[in-house]
Amino acid sequence: MSKPFHELTEAEFKALVKAGNMTWGKCAEIHPQPSWCEYPGAVNGEMGCWSLMDFLIAGPESCTECELFRKKANNKPLSKSVARRLHVQQEGDLDNLDI
Protein backbone atom coordinates (compact mmCIF):
# COMPACT_ATOMS: atom_id res chain seq x y z
CA MET A 1 0.00 0.00 0.00
CA SER A 2 1.22 3.49 -0.81
CA LYS A 3 1.79 5.97 1.95
CA PRO A 4 -0.97 8.39 2.98
CA PHE A 5 -0.93 11.88 1.48
CA HIS A 6 0.40 13.55 4.65
CA GLU A 7 3.54 11.38 4.45
CA LEU A 8 4.38 12.54 0.91
CA THR A 9 7.08 15.13 0.58
CA GLU A 10 6.39 18.11 -1.62
CA ALA A 11 9.04 16.77 -4.03
CA GLU A 12 7.28 13.38 -4.24
CA PHE A 13 3.99 15.10 -4.99
CA LYS A 14 5.57 17.25 -7.71
CA ALA A 15 7.01 14.07 -9.26
CA LEU A 16 3.47 12.60 -9.40
CA VAL A 17 2.21 15.72 -11.14
CA LYS A 18 5.14 15.76 -13.54
CA ALA A 19 4.53 12.11 -14.47
CA GLY A 20 1.11 13.17 -15.85
CA ASN A 21 -2.23 11.38 -16.07
CA MET A 22 -2.92 12.05 -12.39
CA THR A 23 -6.31 13.27 -11.20
CA TRP A 24 -7.27 14.18 -7.64
CA GLY A 25 -9.42 11.04 -7.55
CA LYS A 26 -6.47 8.83 -8.48
CA CYS A 27 -4.22 10.67 -6.05
CA ALA A 28 -6.72 10.12 -3.21
CA GLU A 29 -6.90 6.39 -4.05
CA ILE A 30 -3.13 5.97 -4.12
CA HIS A 31 -2.35 8.36 -1.25
CA PRO A 32 -5.44 8.55 1.02
CA GLN A 33 -6.12 11.17 3.63
CA PRO A 34 -5.01 10.47 7.20
CA SER A 35 -7.10 7.92 9.10
CA TRP A 36 -7.93 10.49 11.80
CA CYS A 37 -9.40 12.94 9.28
CA GLU A 38 -13.18 13.22 8.79
CA TYR A 39 -12.91 15.92 6.11
CA PRO A 40 -14.83 14.60 3.09
CA GLY A 41 -12.43 14.51 0.16
CA ALA A 42 -9.49 15.97 2.08
CA VAL A 43 -7.21 15.03 -0.84
CA ASN A 44 -9.10 17.07 -3.43
CA GLY A 45 -6.86 20.01 -4.21
CA GLU A 46 -8.44 23.42 -3.61
CA MET A 47 -11.64 21.81 -2.33
CA GLY A 48 -9.76 19.57 0.08
CA CYS A 49 -8.08 20.30 3.39
CA TRP A 50 -5.87 23.31 2.81
CA SER A 51 -3.42 22.35 5.56
CA LEU A 52 -3.03 18.89 4.04
CA MET A 53 -2.67 20.28 0.51
CA ASP A 54 -0.01 22.74 1.73
CA PHE A 55 2.03 19.94 3.36
CA LEU A 56 1.49 21.35 6.88
CA ILE A 57 0.22 18.08 8.40
CA ALA A 58 2.93 16.01 10.05
CA GLY A 59 0.70 13.74 12.15
CA PRO A 60 -2.46 13.68 14.27
CA GLU A 61 -1.07 16.37 16.55
CA SER A 62 -1.30 18.80 13.62
CA CYS A 63 -5.08 18.34 13.51
CA THR A 64 -6.26 18.20 17.11
CA GLU A 65 -7.88 21.66 16.93
CA CYS A 66 -9.84 20.81 13.76
CA GLU A 67 -13.51 19.97 14.32
CA LEU A 68 -13.11 17.19 11.74
CA PHE A 69 -10.41 15.41 13.76
CA ARG A 70 -11.50 11.84 14.58
CA LYS A 71 -10.33 10.79 18.01
CA LYS A 72 -9.86 7.07 18.53
CA ALA A 73 -12.20 7.10 21.53
CA ASN A 74 -14.80 9.10 19.62
CA ASN A 75 -15.00 7.44 16.22
CA LYS A 76 -18.22 9.15 15.13
CA PRO A 77 -18.88 10.04 11.50
CA LEU A 78 -19.09 13.65 10.40
CA SER A 79 -22.23 15.22 11.87
CA LYS A 80 -24.86 16.62 9.52
CA SER A 81 -24.61 20.06 11.11
CA VAL A 82 -20.85 20.23 10.51
CA ALA A 83 -21.33 19.02 6.93
CA ARG A 84 -23.97 21.69 6.30
CA ARG A 85 -21.76 24.44 7.71
CA LEU A 86 -18.88 23.37 5.49
CA HIS A 87 -21.12 23.07 2.42
CA VAL A 88 -19.69 19.64 1.82
CA GLN A 89 -19.95 18.50 -1.77
CA GLN A 90 -20.82 14.99 -2.81
CA GLU A 91 -17.87 12.64 -3.14
CA GLY A 92 -16.68 12.18 -6.69
CA ASP A 93 -17.26 15.77 -7.82
CA LEU A 94 -13.55 16.33 -8.24
CA ASP A 95 -12.44 12.79 -9.04
CA ASN A 96 -11.72 13.58 -12.68
CA LEU A 97 -10.15 17.00 -12.20
CA ASP A 98 -6.51 17.00 -13.28
CA ILE A 99 -3.92 17.98 -10.69
PDB file of N, CA and C in Angstrom:
ATOM      1  N   MET A   1       0.833  -1.189   0.000  1.00  0.00           N
ATOM      2  CA  MET A   1       0.000   0.000   0.000  1.00  0.00           C
ATOM      3  C   MET A   1       0.874   1.247   0.000  1.00  0.00           C
ATOM      4  N   SER A   2       0.490   2.236  -0.760  1.00  0.00           N
ATOM      5  CA  SER A   2       1.225   3.494  -0.806  1.00  0.00           C
ATOM      6  C   SER A   2       1.013   4.280   0.478  1.00  0.00           C
ATOM      7  N   LYS A   3       1.917   5.192   0.730  1.00  0.00           N
ATOM      8  CA  LYS A   3       1.795   5.972   1.948  1.00  0.00           C
ATOM      9  C   LYS A   3       0.674   7.005   1.839  1.00  0.00           C
ATOM     10  N   PRO A   4       0.083   7.374   2.980  1.00  0.00           N
ATOM     11  CA  PRO A   4      -0.968   8.388   2.977  1.00  0.00           C
ATOM     12  C   PRO A   4      -0.428   9.739   2.507  1.00  0.00           C
ATOM     13  N   PHE A   5      -1.329  10.603   2.056  1.00  0.00           N
ATOM     14  CA  PHE A   5      -0.930  11.877   1.475  1.00  0.00           C
ATOM     15  C   PHE A   5      -0.057  12.703   2.421  1.00  0.00           C
ATOM     16  N   HIS A   6      -0.368  12.717   3.713  1.00  0.00           N
ATOM     17  CA  HIS A   6       0.398  13.551   4.651  1.00  0.00           C
ATOM     18  C   HIS A   6       1.840  13.090   4.808  1.00  0.00           C
ATOM     19  N   GLU A   7       2.152  11.868   4.369  1.00  0.00           N
ATOM     20  CA  GLU A   7       3.538  11.378   4.447  1.00  0.00           C
ATOM     21  C   GLU A   7       4.333  11.661   3.178  1.00  0.00           C
ATOM     22  N   LEU A   8       3.659  12.154   2.132  1.00  0.00           N
ATOM     23  CA  LEU A   8       4.383  12.536   0.909  1.00  0.00           C
ATOM     24  C   LEU A   8       5.185  13.804   1.154  1.00  0.00           C
ATOM     25  N   THR A   9       6.352  13.863   0.566  1.00  0.00           N
ATOM     26  CA  THR A   9       7.084  15.127   0.583  1.00  0.00           C
ATOM     27  C   THR A   9       6.559  15.969  -0.580  1.00  0.00           C
ATOM     28  N   GLU A  10       6.818  17.241  -0.527  1.00  0.00           N
ATOM     29  CA  GLU A  10       6.393  18.106  -1.620  1.00  0.00           C
ATOM     30  C   GLU A  10       7.067  17.673  -2.929  1.00  0.00           C
ATOM     31  N   ALA A  11       8.313  17.236  -2.841  1.00  0.00           N
ATOM     32  CA  ALA A  11       9.037  16.766  -4.029  1.00  0.00           C
ATOM     33  C   ALA A  11       8.389  15.510  -4.615  1.00  0.00           C
ATOM     34  N   GLU A  12       7.962  14.585  -3.758  1.00  0.00           N
ATOM     35  CA  GLU A  12       7.282  13.379  -4.241  1.00  0.00           C
ATOM     36  C   GLU A  12       5.968  13.730  -4.941  1.00  0.00           C
ATOM     37  N   PHE A  13       5.241  14.683  -4.377  1.00  0.00           N
ATOM     38  CA  PHE A  13       3.989  15.105  -4.990  1.00  0.00           C
ATOM     39  C   PHE A  13       4.242  15.743  -6.356  1.00  0.00           C
ATOM     40  N   LYS A  14       5.243  16.607  -6.424  1.00  0.00           N
ATOM     41  CA  LYS A  14       5.571  17.253  -7.705  1.00  0.00           C
ATOM     42  C   LYS A  14       5.969  16.218  -8.751  1.00  0.00           C
ATOM     43  N   ALA A  15       6.636  15.149  -8.334  1.00  0.00           N
ATOM     44  CA  ALA A  15       7.009  14.069  -9.264  1.00  0.00           C
ATOM     45  C   ALA A  15       5.759  13.367  -9.794  1.00  0.00           C
ATOM     46  N   LEU A  16       4.742  13.180  -8.945  1.00  0.00           N
ATOM     47  CA  LEU A  16       3.471  12.599  -9.398  1.00  0.00           C
ATOM     48  C   LEU A  16       2.822  13.470 -10.460  1.00  0.00           C
ATOM     49  N   VAL A  17       2.815  14.766 -10.201  1.00  0.00           N
ATOM     50  CA  VAL A  17       2.209  15.717 -11.135  1.00  0.00           C
ATOM     51  C   VAL A  17       2.976  15.713 -12.453  1.00  0.00           C
ATOM     52  N   LYS A  18       4.296  15.724 -12.349  1.00  0.00           N
ATOM     53  CA  LYS A  18       5.136  15.759 -13.544  1.00  0.00           C
ATOM     54  C   LYS A  18       4.968  14.499 -14.400  1.00  0.00           C
ATOM     55  N   ALA A  19       4.708  13.366 -13.744  1.00  0.00           N
ATOM     56  CA  ALA A  19       4.525  12.105 -14.471  1.00  0.00           C
ATOM     57  C   ALA A  19       3.282  12.147 -15.364  1.00  0.00           C
ATOM     58  N   GLY A  20       2.316  13.013 -15.036  1.00  0.00           N
ATOM     59  CA  GLY A  20       1.108  13.174 -15.854  1.00  0.00           C
ATOM     60  C   GLY A  20       0.053  12.118 -15.574  1.00  0.00           C
ATOM     61  N   ASN A  21      -1.094  12.301 -16.210  1.00  0.00           N
ATOM     62  CA  ASN A  21      -2.227  11.376 -16.071  1.00  0.00           C
ATOM     63  C   ASN A  21      -2.667  11.169 -14.627  1.00  0.00           C
ATOM     64  N   MET A  22      -2.514  12.171 -13.789  1.00  0.00           N
ATOM     65  CA  MET A  22      -2.923  12.047 -12.392  1.00  0.00           C
ATOM     66  C   MET A  22      -4.080  13.004 -12.134  1.00  0.00           C
ATOM     67  N   THR A  23      -5.173  12.459 -11.609  1.00  0.00           N
ATOM     68  CA  THR A  23      -6.308  13.274 -11.196  1.00  0.00           C
ATOM     69  C   THR A  23      -6.340  13.280  -9.672  1.00  0.00           C
ATOM     70  N   TRP A  24      -7.141  14.169  -9.096  1.00  0.00           N
ATOM     71  CA  TRP A  24      -7.273  14.181  -7.641  1.00  0.00           C
ATOM     72  C   TRP A  24      -7.891  12.880  -7.158  1.00  0.00           C
ATOM     73  N   GLY A  25      -8.814  12.323  -7.918  1.00  0.00           N
ATOM     74  CA  GLY A  25      -9.422  11.044  -7.547  1.00  0.00           C
ATOM     75  C   GLY A  25      -8.402   9.929  -7.471  1.00  0.00           C
ATOM     76  N   LYS A  26      -7.530   9.852  -8.486  1.00  0.00           N
ATOM     77  CA  LYS A  26      -6.469   8.830  -8.480  1.00  0.00           C
ATOM     78  C   LYS A  26      -5.498   9.066  -7.332  1.00  0.00           C
ATOM     79  N   CYS A  27      -5.155  10.330  -7.127  1.00  0.00           N
ATOM     80  CA  CYS A  27      -4.219  10.672  -6.054  1.00  0.00           C
ATOM     81  C   CYS A  27      -4.783  10.240  -4.702  1.00  0.00           C
ATOM     82  N   ALA A  28      -6.081  10.488  -4.474  1.00  0.00           N
ATOM     83  CA  ALA A  28      -6.719  10.117  -3.212  1.00  0.00           C
ATOM     84  C   ALA A  28      -6.768   8.597  -3.035  1.00  0.00           C
ATOM     85  N   GLU A  29      -6.901   7.860  -4.131  1.00  0.00           N
ATOM     86  CA  GLU A  29      -6.902   6.394  -4.045  1.00  0.00           C
ATOM     87  C   GLU A  29      -5.515   5.868  -3.691  1.00  0.00           C
ATOM     88  N   ILE A  30      -4.502   6.424  -4.330  1.00  0.00           N
ATOM     89  CA  ILE A  30      -3.127   5.965  -4.120  1.00  0.00           C
ATOM     90  C   ILE A  30      -2.574   6.467  -2.790  1.00  0.00           C
ATOM     91  N   HIS A  31      -2.866   7.718  -2.462  1.00  0.00           N
ATOM     92  CA  HIS A  31      -2.354   8.363  -1.246  1.00  0.00           C
ATOM     93  C   HIS A  31      -3.537   8.938  -0.467  1.00  0.00           C
ATOM     94  N   PRO A  32      -4.233   8.101   0.319  1.00  0.00           N
ATOM     95  CA  PRO A  32      -5.440   8.552   1.016  1.00  0.00           C
ATOM     96  C   PRO A  32      -5.163   9.571   2.112  1.00  0.00           C
ATOM     97  N   GLN A  33      -6.228  10.220   2.523  1.00  0.00           N
ATOM     98  CA  GLN A  33      -6.116  11.172   3.629  1.00  0.00           C
ATOM     99  C   GLN A  33      -5.815  10.421   4.920  1.00  0.00           C
ATOM    100  N   PRO A  34      -5.339  11.128   5.939  1.00  0.00           N
ATOM    101  CA  PRO A  34      -5.012  10.467   7.204  1.00  0.00           C
ATOM    102  C   PRO A  34      -6.238   9.778   7.808  1.00  0.00           C
ATOM    103  N   SER A  35      -6.001   8.695   8.517  1.00  0.00           N
ATOM    104  CA  SER A  35      -7.097   7.918   9.104  1.00  0.00           C
ATOM    105  C   SER A  35      -7.870   8.701  10.156  1.00  0.00           C
ATOM    106  N   TRP A  36      -7.268   9.701  10.757  1.00  0.00           N
ATOM    107  CA  TRP A  36      -7.930  10.488  11.796  1.00  0.00           C
ATOM    108  C   TRP A  36      -8.750  11.643  11.221  1.00  0.00           C
ATOM    109  N   CYS A  37      -8.753  11.793   9.924  1.00  0.00           N
ATOM    110  CA  CYS A  37      -9.402  12.936   9.275  1.00  0.00           C
ATOM    111  C   CYS A  37     -10.811  12.593   8.797  1.00  0.00           C
ATOM    112  N   GLU A  38     -11.794  13.390   9.206  1.00  0.00           N
ATOM    113  CA  GLU A  38     -13.185  13.217   8.789  1.00  0.00           C
ATOM    114  C   GLU A  38     -13.566  14.178   7.662  1.00  0.00           C
ATOM    115  N   TYR A  39     -12.616  14.952   7.172  1.00  0.00           N
ATOM    116  CA  TYR A  39     -12.911  15.920   6.111  1.00  0.00           C
ATOM    117  C   TYR A  39     -13.253  15.154   4.835  1.00  0.00           C
ATOM    118  N   PRO A  40     -14.467  15.320   4.317  1.00  0.00           N
ATOM    119  CA  PRO A  40     -14.834  14.595   3.092  1.00  0.00           C
ATOM    120  C   PRO A  40     -13.982  15.057   1.911  1.00  0.00           C
ATOM    121  N   GLY A  41     -13.267  14.156   1.302  1.00  0.00           N
ATOM    122  CA  GLY A  41     -12.435  14.510   0.160  1.00  0.00           C
ATOM    123  C   GLY A  41     -11.266  15.409   0.516  1.00  0.00           C
ATOM    124  N   ALA A  42     -10.609  15.129   1.631  1.00  0.00           N
ATOM    125  CA  ALA A  42      -9.491  15.972   2.077  1.00  0.00           C
ATOM    126  C   ALA A  42      -8.391  16.076   1.029  1.00  0.00           C
ATOM    127  N   VAL A  43      -8.219  15.016   0.231  1.00  0.00           N
ATOM    128  CA  VAL A  43      -7.208  15.026  -0.841  1.00  0.00           C
ATOM    129  C   VAL A  43      -7.932  15.383  -2.150  1.00  0.00           C
ATOM    130  N   ASN A  44      -8.387  16.603  -2.238  1.00  0.00           N
ATOM    131  CA  ASN A  44      -9.096  17.069  -3.430  1.00  0.00           C
ATOM    132  C   ASN A  44      -8.671  18.482  -3.806  1.00  0.00           C
ATOM    133  N   GLY A  45      -7.391  18.726  -3.764  1.00  0.00           N
ATOM    134  CA  GLY A  45      -6.865  20.014  -4.213  1.00  0.00           C
ATOM    135  C   GLY A  45      -7.461  21.190  -3.475  1.00  0.00           C
ATOM    136  N   GLU A  46      -7.910  22.197  -4.209  1.00  0.00           N
ATOM    137  CA  GLU A  46      -8.439  23.418  -3.608  1.00  0.00           C
ATOM    138  C   GLU A  46      -9.702  23.183  -2.793  1.00  0.00           C
ATOM    139  N   MET A  47     -10.424  22.124  -3.087  1.00  0.00           N
ATOM    140  CA  MET A  47     -11.640  21.814  -2.328  1.00  0.00           C
ATOM    141  C   MET A  47     -11.351  20.896  -1.149  1.00  0.00           C
ATOM    142  N   GLY A  48     -10.132  20.453  -1.015  1.00  0.00           N
ATOM    143  CA  GLY A  48      -9.755  19.570   0.082  1.00  0.00           C
ATOM    144  C   GLY A  48      -9.276  20.358   1.294  1.00  0.00           C
ATOM    145  N   CYS A  49      -8.627  19.671   2.186  1.00  0.00           N
ATOM    146  CA  CYS A  49      -8.081  20.304   3.386  1.00  0.00           C
ATOM    147  C   CYS A  49      -6.865  21.134   2.993  1.00  0.00           C
ATOM    148  N   TRP A  50      -6.960  22.415   3.222  1.00  0.00           N
ATOM    149  CA  TRP A  50      -5.865  23.307   2.809  1.00  0.00           C
ATOM    150  C   TRP A  50      -4.566  22.992   3.528  1.00  0.00           C
ATOM    151  N   SER A  51      -4.643  22.681   4.805  1.00  0.00           N
ATOM    152  CA  SER A  51      -3.417  22.350   5.555  1.00  0.00           C
ATOM    153  C   SER A  51      -2.757  21.102   4.990  1.00  0.00           C
ATOM    154  N   LEU A  52      -3.570  20.117   4.632  1.00  0.00           N
ATOM    155  CA  LEU A  52      -3.035  18.891   4.037  1.00  0.00           C
ATOM    156  C   LEU A  52      -2.435  19.177   2.668  1.00  0.00           C
ATOM    157  N   MET A  53      -3.132  19.954   1.859  1.00  0.00           N
ATOM    158  CA  MET A  53      -2.669  20.281   0.510  1.00  0.00           C
ATOM    159  C   MET A  53      -1.405  21.139   0.522  1.00  0.00           C
ATOM    160  N   ASP A  54      -1.201  21.898   1.605  1.00  0.00           N
ATOM    161  CA  ASP A  54      -0.005  22.744   1.727  1.00  0.00           C
ATOM    162  C   ASP A  54       1.127  22.058   2.489  1.00  0.00           C
ATOM    163  N   PHE A  55       0.998  20.738   2.713  1.00  0.00           N
ATOM    164  CA  PHE A  55       2.031  19.936   3.365  1.00  0.00           C
ATOM    165  C   PHE A  55       2.349  20.425   4.779  1.00  0.00           C
ATOM    166  N   LEU A  56       1.323  20.857   5.513  1.00  0.00           N
ATOM    167  CA  LEU A  56       1.486  21.349   6.879  1.00  0.00           C
ATOM    168  C   LEU A  56       1.127  20.294   7.929  1.00  0.00           C
ATOM    169  N   ILE A  57       0.644  19.128   7.481  1.00  0.00           N
ATOM    170  CA  ILE A  57       0.215  18.084   8.405  1.00  0.00           C
ATOM    171  C   ILE A  57       1.329  17.046   8.560  1.00  0.00           C
ATOM    172  N   ALA A  58       1.862  16.951   9.777  1.00  0.00           N
ATOM    173  CA  ALA A  58       2.933  16.005  10.053  1.00  0.00           C
ATOM    174  C   ALA A  58       2.406  14.741  10.732  1.00  0.00           C
ATOM    175  N   GLY A  59       1.292  14.855  11.423  1.00  0.00           N
ATOM    176  CA  GLY A  59       0.701  13.739  12.145  1.00  0.00           C
ATOM    177  C   GLY A  59      -0.564  14.200  12.835  1.00  0.00           C
ATOM    178  N   PRO A  60      -1.194  13.337  13.622  1.00  0.00           N
ATOM    179  CA  PRO A  60      -2.460  13.682  14.269  1.00  0.00           C
ATOM    180  C   PRO A  60      -2.387  14.951  15.117  1.00  0.00           C
ATOM    181  N   GLU A  61      -1.220  15.175  15.706  1.00  0.00           N
ATOM    182  CA  GLU A  61      -1.068  16.365  16.553  1.00  0.00           C
ATOM    183  C   GLU A  61      -1.258  17.660  15.770  1.00  0.00           C
ATOM    184  N   SER A  62      -1.099  17.615  14.465  1.00  0.00           N
ATOM    185  CA  SER A  62      -1.303  18.802  13.623  1.00  0.00           C
ATOM    186  C   SER A  62      -2.785  19.135  13.461  1.00  0.00           C
ATOM    187  N   CYS A  63      -3.655  18.192  13.805  1.00  0.00           N
ATOM    188  CA  CYS A  63      -5.081  18.338  13.509  1.00  0.00           C
ATOM    189  C   CYS A  63      -5.986  18.378  14.734  1.00  0.00           C
ATOM    190  N   THR A  64      -5.437  18.347  15.919  1.00  0.00           N
ATOM    191  CA  THR A  64      -6.265  18.199  17.113  1.00  0.00           C
ATOM    192  C   THR A  64      -7.240  19.354  17.329  1.00  0.00           C
ATOM    193  N   GLU A  65      -6.972  20.522  16.782  1.00  0.00           N
ATOM    194  CA  GLU A  65      -7.876  21.664  16.935  1.00  0.00           C
ATOM    195  C   GLU A  65      -8.967  21.695  15.864  1.00  0.00           C
ATOM    196  N   CYS A  66      -8.865  20.855  14.859  1.00  0.00           N
ATOM    197  CA  CYS A  66      -9.836  20.807  13.764  1.00  0.00           C
ATOM    198  C   CYS A  66     -11.094  20.083  14.236  1.00  0.00           C
ATOM    199  N   GLU A  67     -12.263  20.628  13.904  1.00  0.00           N
ATOM    200  CA  GLU A  67     -13.508  19.974  14.317  1.00  0.00           C
ATOM    201  C   GLU A  67     -13.776  18.683  13.534  1.00  0.00           C
ATOM    202  N   LEU A  68     -12.966  18.415  12.524  1.00  0.00           N
ATOM    203  CA  LEU A  68     -13.111  17.193  11.745  1.00  0.00           C
ATOM    204  C   LEU A  68     -12.082  16.130  12.135  1.00  0.00           C
ATOM    205  N   PHE A  69     -11.393  16.363  13.238  1.00  0.00           N
ATOM    206  CA  PHE A  69     -10.411  15.409  13.761  1.00  0.00           C
ATOM    207  C   PHE A  69     -11.154  14.263  14.434  1.00  0.00           C
ATOM    208  N   ARG A  70     -10.867  13.039  14.018  1.00  0.00           N
ATOM    209  CA  ARG A  70     -11.501  11.843  14.581  1.00  0.00           C
ATOM    210  C   ARG A  70     -10.608  11.288  15.677  1.00  0.00           C
ATOM    211  N   LYS A  71     -11.071  11.367  16.897  1.00  0.00           N
ATOM    212  CA  LYS A  71     -10.328  10.789  18.012  1.00  0.00           C
ATOM    213  C   LYS A  71     -10.630   9.303  18.077  1.00  0.00           C
ATOM    214  N   LYS A  72      -9.660   8.521  18.460  1.00  0.00           N
ATOM    215  CA  LYS A  72      -9.859   7.069  18.532  1.00  0.00           C
ATOM    216  C   LYS A  72     -11.014   6.704  19.458  1.00  0.00           C
ATOM    217  N   ALA A  73     -11.140   7.402  20.579  1.00  0.00           N
ATOM    218  CA  ALA A  73     -12.200   7.098  21.533  1.00  0.00           C
ATOM    219  C   ALA A  73     -13.562   7.587  21.047  1.00  0.00           C
ATOM    220  N   ASN A  74     -13.557   8.501  20.106  1.00  0.00           N
ATOM    221  CA  ASN A  74     -14.801   9.098  19.617  1.00  0.00           C
ATOM    222  C   ASN A  74     -14.847   8.935  18.105  1.00  0.00           C
ATOM    223  N   ASN A  75     -15.088   7.750  17.639  1.00  0.00           N
ATOM    224  CA  ASN A  75     -14.997   7.437  16.220  1.00  0.00           C
ATOM    225  C   ASN A  75     -16.323   7.670  15.501  1.00  0.00           C
ATOM    226  N   LYS A  76     -16.925   8.833  15.730  1.00  0.00           N
ATOM    227  CA  LYS A  76     -18.216   9.154  15.129  1.00  0.00           C
ATOM    228  C   LYS A  76     -18.016   9.711  13.720  1.00  0.00           C
ATOM    229  N   PRO A  77     -18.963   9.442  12.833  1.00  0.00           N
ATOM    230  CA  PRO A  77     -18.877  10.043  11.496  1.00  0.00           C
ATOM    231  C   PRO A  77     -19.150  11.543  11.563  1.00  0.00           C
ATOM    232  N   LEU A  78     -18.857  12.222  10.510  1.00  0.00           N
ATOM    233  CA  LEU A  78     -19.088  13.653  10.396  1.00  0.00           C
ATOM    234  C   LEU A  78     -20.558  13.958  10.661  1.00  0.00           C
ATOM    235  N   SER A  79     -20.837  14.883  11.562  1.00  0.00           N
ATOM    236  CA  SER A  79     -22.226  15.221  11.867  1.00  0.00           C
ATOM    237  C   SER A  79     -22.851  16.011  10.721  1.00  0.00           C
ATOM    238  N   LYS A  80     -24.166  15.904  10.594  1.00  0.00           N
ATOM    239  CA  LYS A  80     -24.864  16.617   9.518  1.00  0.00           C
ATOM    240  C   LYS A  80     -24.727  18.120   9.676  1.00  0.00           C
ATOM    241  N   SER A  81     -24.716  18.613  10.910  1.00  0.00           N
ATOM    242  CA  SER A  81     -24.609  20.055  11.112  1.00  0.00           C
ATOM    243  C   SER A  81     -23.242  20.578  10.667  1.00  0.00           C
ATOM    244  N   VAL A  82     -22.196  19.818  10.950  1.00  0.00           N
ATOM    245  CA  VAL A  82     -20.850  20.229  10.512  1.00  0.00           C
ATOM    246  C   VAL A  82     -20.783  20.187   8.993  1.00  0.00           C
ATOM    247  N   ALA A  83     -21.337  19.139   8.389  1.00  0.00           N
ATOM    248  CA  ALA A  83     -21.332  19.015   6.934  1.00  0.00           C
ATOM    249  C   ALA A  83     -22.076  20.189   6.295  1.00  0.00           C
ATOM    250  N   ARG A  84     -23.214  20.566   6.866  1.00  0.00           N
ATOM    251  CA  ARG A  84     -23.975  21.688   6.304  1.00  0.00           C
ATOM    252  C   ARG A  84     -23.180  22.984   6.400  1.00  0.00           C
ATOM    253  N   ARG A  85     -22.529  23.200   7.534  1.00  0.00           N
ATOM    254  CA  ARG A  85     -21.756  24.438   7.715  1.00  0.00           C
ATOM    255  C   ARG A  85     -20.593  24.520   6.745  1.00  0.00           C
ATOM    256  N   LEU A  86     -20.025  23.388   6.406  1.00  0.00           N
ATOM    257  CA  LEU A  86     -18.883  23.368   5.488  1.00  0.00           C
ATOM    258  C   LEU A  86     -19.301  23.301   4.027  1.00  0.00           C
ATOM    259  N   HIS A  87     -20.605  23.198   3.789  1.00  0.00           N
ATOM    260  CA  HIS A  87     -21.119  23.073   2.417  1.00  0.00           C
ATOM    261  C   HIS A  87     -20.418  21.932   1.695  1.00  0.00           C
ATOM    262  N   VAL A  88     -20.389  20.797   2.353  1.00  0.00           N
ATOM    263  CA  VAL A  88     -19.691  19.639   1.823  1.00  0.00           C
ATOM    264  C   VAL A  88     -20.325  19.203   0.509  1.00  0.00           C
ATOM    265  N   GLN A  89     -19.480  18.973  -0.484  1.00  0.00           N
ATOM    266  CA  GLN A  89     -19.954  18.500  -1.774  1.00  0.00           C
ATOM    267  C   GLN A  89     -19.971  16.982  -1.786  1.00  0.00           C
ATOM    268  N   GLN A  90     -20.758  16.429  -2.679  1.00  0.00           N
ATOM    269  CA  GLN A  90     -20.823  14.987  -2.810  1.00  0.00           C
ATOM    270  C   GLN A  90     -19.472  14.443  -3.245  1.00  0.00           C
ATOM    271  N   GLU A  91     -19.110  13.277  -2.716  1.00  0.00           N
ATOM    272  CA  GLU A  91     -17.868  12.635  -3.138  1.00  0.00           C
ATOM    273  C   GLU A  91     -17.901  12.354  -4.633  1.00  0.00           C
ATOM    274  N   GLY A  92     -16.780  12.473  -5.254  1.00  0.00           N
ATOM    275  CA  GLY A  92     -16.679  12.184  -6.686  1.00  0.00           C
ATOM    276  C   GLY A  92     -16.743  13.422  -7.551  1.00  0.00           C
ATOM    277  N   ASP A  93     -17.158  14.558  -7.011  1.00  0.00           N
ATOM    278  CA  ASP A  93     -17.263  15.770  -7.819  1.00  0.00           C
ATOM    279  C   ASP A  93     -15.934  16.152  -8.451  1.00  0.00           C
ATOM    280  N   LEU A  94     -14.859  15.894  -7.757  1.00  0.00           N
ATOM    281  CA  LEU A  94     -13.552  16.327  -8.243  1.00  0.00           C
ATOM    282  C   LEU A  94     -12.667  15.162  -8.673  1.00  0.00           C
ATOM    283  N   ASP A  95     -13.233  13.967  -8.731  1.00  0.00           N
ATOM    284  CA  ASP A  95     -12.436  12.791  -9.041  1.00  0.00           C
ATOM    285  C   ASP A  95     -11.732  12.869 -10.386  1.00  0.00           C
ATOM    286  N   ASN A  96     -12.316  13.548 -11.328  1.00  0.00           N
ATOM    287  CA  ASN A  96     -11.723  13.583 -12.676  1.00  0.00           C
ATOM    288  C   ASN A  96     -11.005  14.890 -12.984  1.00  0.00           C
ATOM    289  N   LEU A  97     -10.853  15.731 -11.998  1.00  0.00           N
ATOM    290  CA  LEU A  97     -10.147  16.997 -12.201  1.00  0.00           C
ATOM    291  C   LEU A  97      -8.649  16.741 -12.177  1.00  0.00           C
ATOM    292  N   ASP A  98      -7.958  17.185 -13.217  1.00  0.00           N
ATOM    293  CA  ASP A  98      -6.512  17.001 -13.283  1.00  0.00           C
ATOM    294  C   ASP A  98      -5.827  17.810 -12.183  1.00  0.00           C
ATOM    295  N   ILE A  99      -4.716  17.276 -11.710  1.00  0.00           N
ATOM    296  CA  ILE A  99      -3.924  17.977 -10.693  1.00  0.00           C
ATOM    297  C   ILE A  99      -3.124  19.069 -11.371  1.00  0.00           C
TER     298      ILE A  99
END
